[in-house]
């Protein structure tokens, strides 16, 4: 700019210069304020969640919780990841405001006691056939669970009726659809010390069993000489349900509001997309989407 500026121009330039100097002088201080923890605003509201152990074991739930929290601006903290004996009390005594559990009498009991909302299906886990690695019944070549069960029965191979409620329900469904009646010539009782030990019994008897895919794959159950033989049949899935606080739950109004937001998100199209992405990242699928199960009519095949 020329030194021969008019007086009014000189005043204007002087004011502009002062403003520039002021911005330069205050910028570091403002940057320091915005960088401090107190300037970031209040912490995100938190929802405490209890989940059955398999959801964490397979790696899906931690990813879903992170994605849902980011979508909602909430913190989802897992306060319990355990068998149902560990997570039902967490919901009942108020430590958790959200529960993800297998559909079960325990889930219905929470709702009946007004400690939880009505259960809604969030996703499904998969059950599979396991048995002797040399597979005398030819289960590996079966098209689905019904054909696999027919092959076991027709070959006279022993089959263990596992006492685990989920596996038991799947087996009952396959028998009904296949028109199979249990027969002592091939059916064996699960006499192990605990349900997770069933494949050790299968190894001793050279028998087949229907078990959960997640505990089998991740080493929670297994035995030498026993292999996964068939998977992928939608009829062999069992539901995971989601429960929010009921009228007698100890959650306050804010906790109920945030838990309801999380529940609706997990069931929404976006939440289900996050579930699918979490499955892919965890090398699944381990948990199938809520709309992936065909409508089940457990009448025998061909029944009127």
Protein backbone atom coordinates (compact mmCIF):
# COMPACT_ATOMS: atom_id res chain seq x y z
CA UNK A 1 0.00 0.00 0.00
CA UNK A 2 1.32 3.51 -0.87
CA UNK A 3 2.56 5.71 1.99
CA UNK A 4 0.61 8.56 0.48
CA UNK A 5 -2.76 7.20 1.67
CA UNK A 6 -5.40 9.73 2.67
CA UNK A 7 -6.17 10.40 6.29
CA UNK A 8 -9.38 8.40 6.28
CA UNK A 9 -7.60 5.47 4.60
CA UNK A 10 -4.85 5.69 7.22
CA UNK A 11 -7.42 5.49 10.01
CA UNK A 12 -9.12 2.51 8.35
CA UNK A 13 -5.86 0.68 7.87
CA UNK A 14 -4.89 1.38 11.45
CA UNK A 15 -8.16 -0.12 12.74
CA UNK A 16 -7.82 -3.18 10.49
CA UNK A 17 -4.26 -3.66 11.66
CA UNK A 18 -5.32 -3.53 15.28
CA UNK A 19 -7.99 -6.15 14.62
CA UNK A 20 -5.46 -8.44 12.93
CA UNK A 21 -3.04 -8.03 15.82
CA UNK A 22 -5.83 -8.81 18.30
CA UNK A 23 -6.75 -12.02 16.46
CA UNK A 24 -3.11 -13.13 16.35
CA UNK A 25 -2.64 -12.40 20.03
CA UNK A 26 -5.76 -14.21 21.24
CA UNK A 27 -5.65 -17.26 18.94
CA UNK A 28 -3.22 -19.32 21.14
CA UNK A 29 -5.31 -18.64 24.24
CA UNK A 30 -8.54 -19.68 22.51
CA UNK A 31 -6.87 -22.80 21.15
CA UNK A 32 -5.77 -23.70 24.64
CA UNK A 33 -9.29 -23.26 25.99
CA UNK A 34 -10.89 -25.42 23.30
CA UNK A 35 -8.25 -28.12 23.83
CA UNK A 36 -8.87 -28.55 27.53
CA UNK A 37 -11.18 -31.28 28.79
CA UNK A 38 -13.59 -28.85 30.44
CA UNK A 39 -14.34 -27.16 27.12
CA UNK A 40 -15.47 -30.38 25.42
CA UNK A 41 -18.89 -30.28 27.03
CA UNK A 42 -20.53 -32.76 29.40
CA UNK A 43 -19.67 -36.48 29.08
CA UNK A 44 -21.98 -38.66 27.03
CA UNK A 45 -24.87 -40.24 28.90
CA UNK A 46 -24.28 -43.89 29.68
CA UNK A 47 -26.41 -47.00 29.25
CA UNK A 48 -25.31 -50.08 31.17
CA UNK A 49 -25.91 -53.31 29.26
CA UNK A 50 -25.83 -56.99 30.22
CA UNK A 51 -25.34 -59.59 27.47
CA UNK A 52 -25.05 -63.35 27.38
CA UNK A 53 -21.42 -64.34 27.06
CA UNK A 54 -21.48 -65.62 23.50
CA UNK A 55 -22.24 -62.16 22.15
CA UNK A 56 -18.94 -60.87 23.54
CA UNK A 57 -17.04 -64.12 22.97
CA UNK A 58 -17.55 -63.94 19.21
CA UNK A 59 -16.55 -60.27 19.08
CA UNK A 60 -19.85 -58.97 17.70
CA UNK A 61 -21.30 -57.16 20.70
CA UNK A 62 -18.27 -54.93 21.47
CA UNK A 63 -18.37 -53.70 17.86
CA UNK A 64 -22.14 -53.20 17.91
CA UNK A 65 -21.94 -51.29 21.20
CA UNK A 66 -19.27 -48.97 19.83
CA UNK A 67 -21.18 -48.32 16.60
CA UNK A 68 -24.52 -47.75 18.35
CA UNK A 69 -22.92 -45.44 20.88
CA UNK A 70 -21.37 -43.38 18.11
CA UNK A 71 -24.69 -43.18 16.25
CA UNK A 72 -26.61 -42.06 19.34
CA UNK A 73 -23.99 -39.98 21.14
CA UNK A 74 -24.18 -42.35 24.11
CA UNK A 75 -21.75 -44.56 25.98
CA UNK A 76 -22.78 -48.22 26.04
CA UNK A 77 -21.00 -49.94 28.92
CA UNK A 78 -21.13 -53.72 29.24
CA UNK A 79 -21.56 -54.44 32.95
CA UNK A 80 -22.02 -58.21 32.58
CA UNK A 81 -21.15 -60.72 29.85
CA UNK A 82 -21.93 -64.16 31.21
CA UNK A 83 -24.36 -67.09 31.05
CA UNK A 84 -27.96 -66.23 31.84
CA UNK A 85 -27.36 -66.98 35.52
CA UNK A 86 -25.06 -63.95 35.57
CA UNK A 87 -26.94 -61.47 33.40
CA UNK A 88 -30.53 -61.95 34.60
CA UNK A 89 -29.64 -60.72 38.14
CA UNK A 90 -27.85 -57.70 36.64
CA UNK A 91 -31.09 -56.64 34.99
CA UNK A 92 -33.26 -57.54 37.96
CA UNK A 93 -31.24 -55.55 40.50
CA UNK A 94 -30.87 -52.50 38.27
CA UNK A 95 -27.17 -52.71 37.43
CA UNK A 96 -28.13 -52.98 33.75
CA UNK A 97 -30.73 -50.91 31.92
CA UNK A 98 -30.67 -53.14 28.84
CA UNK A 99 -30.44 -56.94 28.52
CA UNK A 100 -29.60 -59.10 25.51
CA UNK A 101 -30.33 -62.76 26.20
CA UNK A 102 -31.63 -65.90 24.54
CA UNK A 103 -35.40 -66.15 24.44
CA UNK A 104 -36.10 -68.13 27.60
CA UNK A 105 -38.29 -68.59 30.65
CA UNK A 106 -35.91 -66.29 32.50
CA UNK A 107 -36.51 -63.47 30.02
CA UNK A 108 -40.26 -63.97 30.26
CA UNK A 109 -40.00 -64.03 34.04
CA UNK A 110 -38.38 -60.59 34.09
CA UNK A 111 -41.21 -59.20 32.00
CA UNK A 112 -43.88 -60.91 34.12
CA UNK A 113 -42.32 -59.39 37.25
CA UNK A 114 -42.48 -55.91 35.64
CA UNK A 115 -38.69 -55.69 35.84
CA UNK A 116 -38.32 -55.66 32.04
CA UNK A 117 -40.26 -54.62 28.99
CA UNK A 118 -41.73 -57.11 26.57
CA UNK A 119 -38.97 -59.04 24.84
CA UNK A 120 -38.24 -58.15 21.21
CA UNK A 121 -36.11 -60.19 18.84
CA UNK A 122 -32.79 -58.52 18.02
CA UNK A 123 -30.98 -61.35 16.23
CA UNK A 124 -30.43 -65.10 16.01
CA UNK A 125 -27.61 -67.49 16.81
CA UNK A 126 -26.94 -70.71 14.94
CA UNK A 127 -26.85 -74.32 16.07
CA UNK A 128 -24.85 -76.92 14.19
CA UNK A 129 -24.34 -80.67 13.96
CA UNK A 130 -21.18 -82.03 15.54
CA UNK A 131 -20.10 -85.65 15.60
CA UNK A 132 -17.35 -88.16 14.85
CA UNK A 133 -14.84 -86.78 12.40
CA UNK A 134 -15.14 -89.92 10.23
CA UNK A 135 -18.92 -89.20 10.04
CA UNK A 136 -20.43 -92.71 9.68
CA UNK A 137 -23.93 -91.29 8.99
CA UNK A 138 -22.75 -88.96 6.20
CA UNK A 139 -24.04 -85.78 7.86
CA UNK A 140 -21.47 -83.65 6.00
CA UNK A 141 -23.25 -84.35 2.74
CA UNK A 142 -26.74 -83.47 3.97
CA UNK A 143 -28.55 -80.50 2.46
CA UNK A 144 -29.98 -79.29 5.78
CA UNK A 145 -30.72 -80.28 9.34
CA UNK A 146 -33.78 -82.38 8.49
CA UNK A 147 -31.81 -84.52 6.05
CA UNK A 148 -28.94 -84.76 8.53
CA UNK A 149 -31.30 -86.07 11.20
CA UNK A 150 -32.76 -88.62 8.78
CA UNK A 151 -29.27 -89.84 7.92
CA UNK A 152 -28.40 -90.32 11.59
CA UNK A 153 -31.62 -92.22 12.29
CA UNK A 154 -31.44 -94.34 9.14
CA UNK A 155 -27.85 -95.35 9.89
CA UNK A 156 -28.65 -96.23 13.50
CA UNK A 157 -25.89 -93.92 14.70
CA UNK A 158 -26.21 -92.70 18.29
CA UNK A 159 -27.54 -89.19 18.82
CA UNK A 160 -27.38 -87.33 22.14
CA UNK A 161 -30.48 -85.41 23.17
CA UNK A 162 -28.66 -82.46 24.73
CA UNK A 163 -30.35 -80.97 27.80
CA UNK A 164 -29.33 -77.39 26.93
CA UNK A 165 -32.65 -75.58 26.30
CA UNK A 166 -31.56 -73.97 23.02
CA UNK A 167 -30.21 -77.14 21.45
CA UNK A 168 -33.16 -79.13 22.77
CA UNK A 169 -35.61 -76.73 21.09
CA UNK A 170 -33.74 -76.96 17.78
CA UNK A 171 -33.70 -80.77 17.90
CA UNK A 172 -37.43 -80.89 18.69
CA UNK A 173 -38.11 -78.64 15.69
CA UNK A 174 -36.06 -80.85 13.37
CA UNK A 175 -37.82 -83.98 14.61
CA UNK A 176 -41.25 -82.42 14.06
CA UNK A 177 -40.41 -81.18 10.56
CA UNK A 178 -38.82 -84.51 9.66
CA UNK A 179 -41.64 -86.60 11.15
CA UNK A 180 -39.14 -88.42 13.37
CA UNK A 181 -40.12 -90.01 16.66
CA UNK A 182 -37.34 -90.45 19.23
CA UNK A 183 -36.28 -94.07 19.58
CA UNK A 184 -34.17 -95.67 22.29
CA UNK A 185 -32.30 -97.63 19.63
CA UNK A 186 -30.39 -94.51 18.62
CA UNK A 187 -31.24 -91.78 21.15
CA UNK A 188 -28.84 -91.29 24.07
CA UNK A 189 -29.35 -89.19 27.19
CA UNK A 190 -26.99 -86.34 28.03
CA UNK A 191 -25.51 -87.64 31.29
CA UNK A 192 -22.46 -85.36 31.42
CA UNK A 193 -21.63 -83.22 34.45
CA UNK A 194 -22.68 -80.03 32.63
CA UNK A 195 -24.15 -79.17 29.21
CA UNK A 196 -20.79 -77.91 27.89
CA UNK A 197 -19.33 -81.41 28.38
CA UNK A 198 -21.71 -83.05 25.91
CA UNK A 199 -19.07 -83.45 23.19
CA UNK A 200 -16.82 -85.39 25.54
CA UNK A 201 -19.72 -87.83 25.90
CA UNK A 202 -20.16 -87.75 22.13
CA UNK A 203 -16.51 -88.79 21.73
CA UNK A 204 -17.00 -91.68 24.14
CA UNK A 205 -20.17 -92.89 22.41
CA UNK A 206 -19.13 -91.91 18.86
CA UNK A 207 -22.39 -90.00 18.77
CA UNK A 208 -23.82 -86.93 17.09
CA UNK A 209 -25.24 -83.83 18.81
CA UNK A 210 -26.68 -80.42 17.99
CA UNK A 211 -24.74 -77.64 19.74
CA UNK A 212 -24.28 -73.89 19.59
CA UNK A 213 -21.92 -72.73 16.86
CA UNK A 214 -20.27 -69.99 18.94
CA UNK A 215 -19.19 -72.13 21.93
CA UNK A 216 -18.04 -74.89 19.60
CA UNK A 217 -15.98 -72.60 17.37
CA UNK A 218 -14.43 -70.61 20.21
CA UNK A 219 -13.44 -73.62 22.30
CA UNK A 220 -16.03 -73.49 25.07
CA UNK A 221 -16.93 -77.07 24.19
CA UNK A 222 -15.20 -79.77 22.18
CA UNK A 223 -13.51 -83.15 22.29
CA UNK A 224 -10.83 -85.00 20.37
CA UNK A 225 -12.21 -86.71 17.30
CA UNK A 226 -15.38 -84.60 17.19
CA UNK A 227 -15.86 -82.12 14.34
CA UNK A 228 -18.37 -79.58 13.09
CA UNK A 229 -20.22 -81.41 10.32
CA UNK A 230 -23.14 -79.25 9.19
CA UNK A 231 -24.08 -75.60 9.58
CA UNK A 232 -26.12 -72.93 7.80
CA UNK A 233 -29.70 -74.19 8.20
CA UNK A 234 -32.00 -71.29 9.20
CA UNK A 235 -34.31 -73.75 10.99
CA UNK A 236 -31.45 -74.35 13.41
CA UNK A 237 -31.39 -70.80 14.77
CA UNK A 238 -32.51 -69.49 18.13
CA UNK A 239 -33.48 -65.89 18.97
CA UNK A 240 -31.66 -63.30 21.03
CA UNK A 241 -34.13 -60.91 22.60
CA UNK A 242 -33.72 -57.38 23.89
CA UNK A 243 -35.30 -56.17 27.13
CA UNK A 244 -35.49 -52.60 28.43
CA UNK A 245 -36.57 -51.53 31.96
CA UNK A 246 -40.07 -52.43 33.09
CA UNK A 247 -42.25 -50.49 35.58
CA UNK A 248 -40.55 -51.98 38.68
CA UNK A 249 -36.97 -51.66 37.37
CA UNK A 250 -34.74 -49.30 39.33
CA UNK A 251 -33.81 -47.10 36.36
CA UNK A 252 -34.60 -43.39 36.65
CA UNK A 253 -36.38 -41.39 33.95
CA UNK A 254 -33.21 -40.40 32.13
CA UNK A 255 -31.86 -43.96 32.15
CA UNK A 256 -35.17 -45.27 30.81
CA UNK A 257 -35.13 -42.68 28.03
CA UNK A 258 -31.59 -43.55 26.95
CA UNK A 259 -32.19 -47.31 27.20
CA UNK A 260 -35.29 -46.95 25.00
CA UNK A 261 -33.26 -45.01 22.43
CA UNK A 262 -30.65 -47.76 22.31
CA UNK A 263 -33.29 -50.47 22.03
CA UNK A 264 -35.04 -48.76 19.14
CA UNK A 265 -31.72 -48.16 17.40
CA UNK A 266 -30.60 -51.79 17.69
CA UNK A 267 -33.87 -52.90 16.10
CA UNK A 268 -33.83 -50.23 13.38
CA UNK A 269 -32.53 -50.67 9.84
CA UNK A 270 -29.38 -48.72 10.73
CA UNK A 271 -28.81 -50.78 13.86
CA UNK A 272 -29.21 -54.00 11.90
CA UNK A 273 -26.73 -52.72 9.32
CA UNK A 274 -24.28 -52.11 12.17
CA UNK A 275 -24.88 -55.69 13.32
CA UNK A 276 -24.08 -56.99 9.82
CA UNK A 277 -20.89 -54.91 9.70
CA UNK A 278 -19.86 -56.13 13.15
CA UNK A 279 -20.34 -59.72 11.99
CA UNK A 280 -18.12 -59.11 8.98
CA UNK A 281 -15.41 -57.48 11.10
CA UNK A 282 -15.55 -60.43 13.54
CA UNK A 283 -15.12 -62.97 10.69
CA UNK A 284 -18.72 -64.16 11.11
CA UNK A 285 -21.59 -64.29 10.67
CA UNK A 286 -22.12 -65.27 14.28
CA UNK A 287 -25.33 -63.34 14.98
CA UNK A 288 -27.90 -63.23 12.20
CA UNK A 289 -30.21 -60.26 11.67
CA UNK A 290 -33.69 -60.17 13.15
CA UNK A 291 -35.38 -60.60 9.76
CA UNK A 292 -33.15 -63.49 8.63
CA UNK A 293 -35.27 -66.29 10.10
CA UNK A 294 -38.09 -67.77 8.01
CA UNK A 295 -41.53 -67.87 9.57
CA UNK A 296 -41.52 -71.13 11.53
CA UNK A 297 -44.48 -73.50 11.59
CA UNK A 298 -43.41 -76.47 13.65
CA UNK A 299 -46.04 -78.81 12.25
CA UNK A 300 -44.49 -81.93 10.66
CA UNK A 301 -43.70 -81.71 6.98
CA UNK A 302 -46.80 -82.55 4.94
CA UNK A 303 -49.21 -82.10 7.84
CA UNK A 304 -52.60 -80.62 7.04
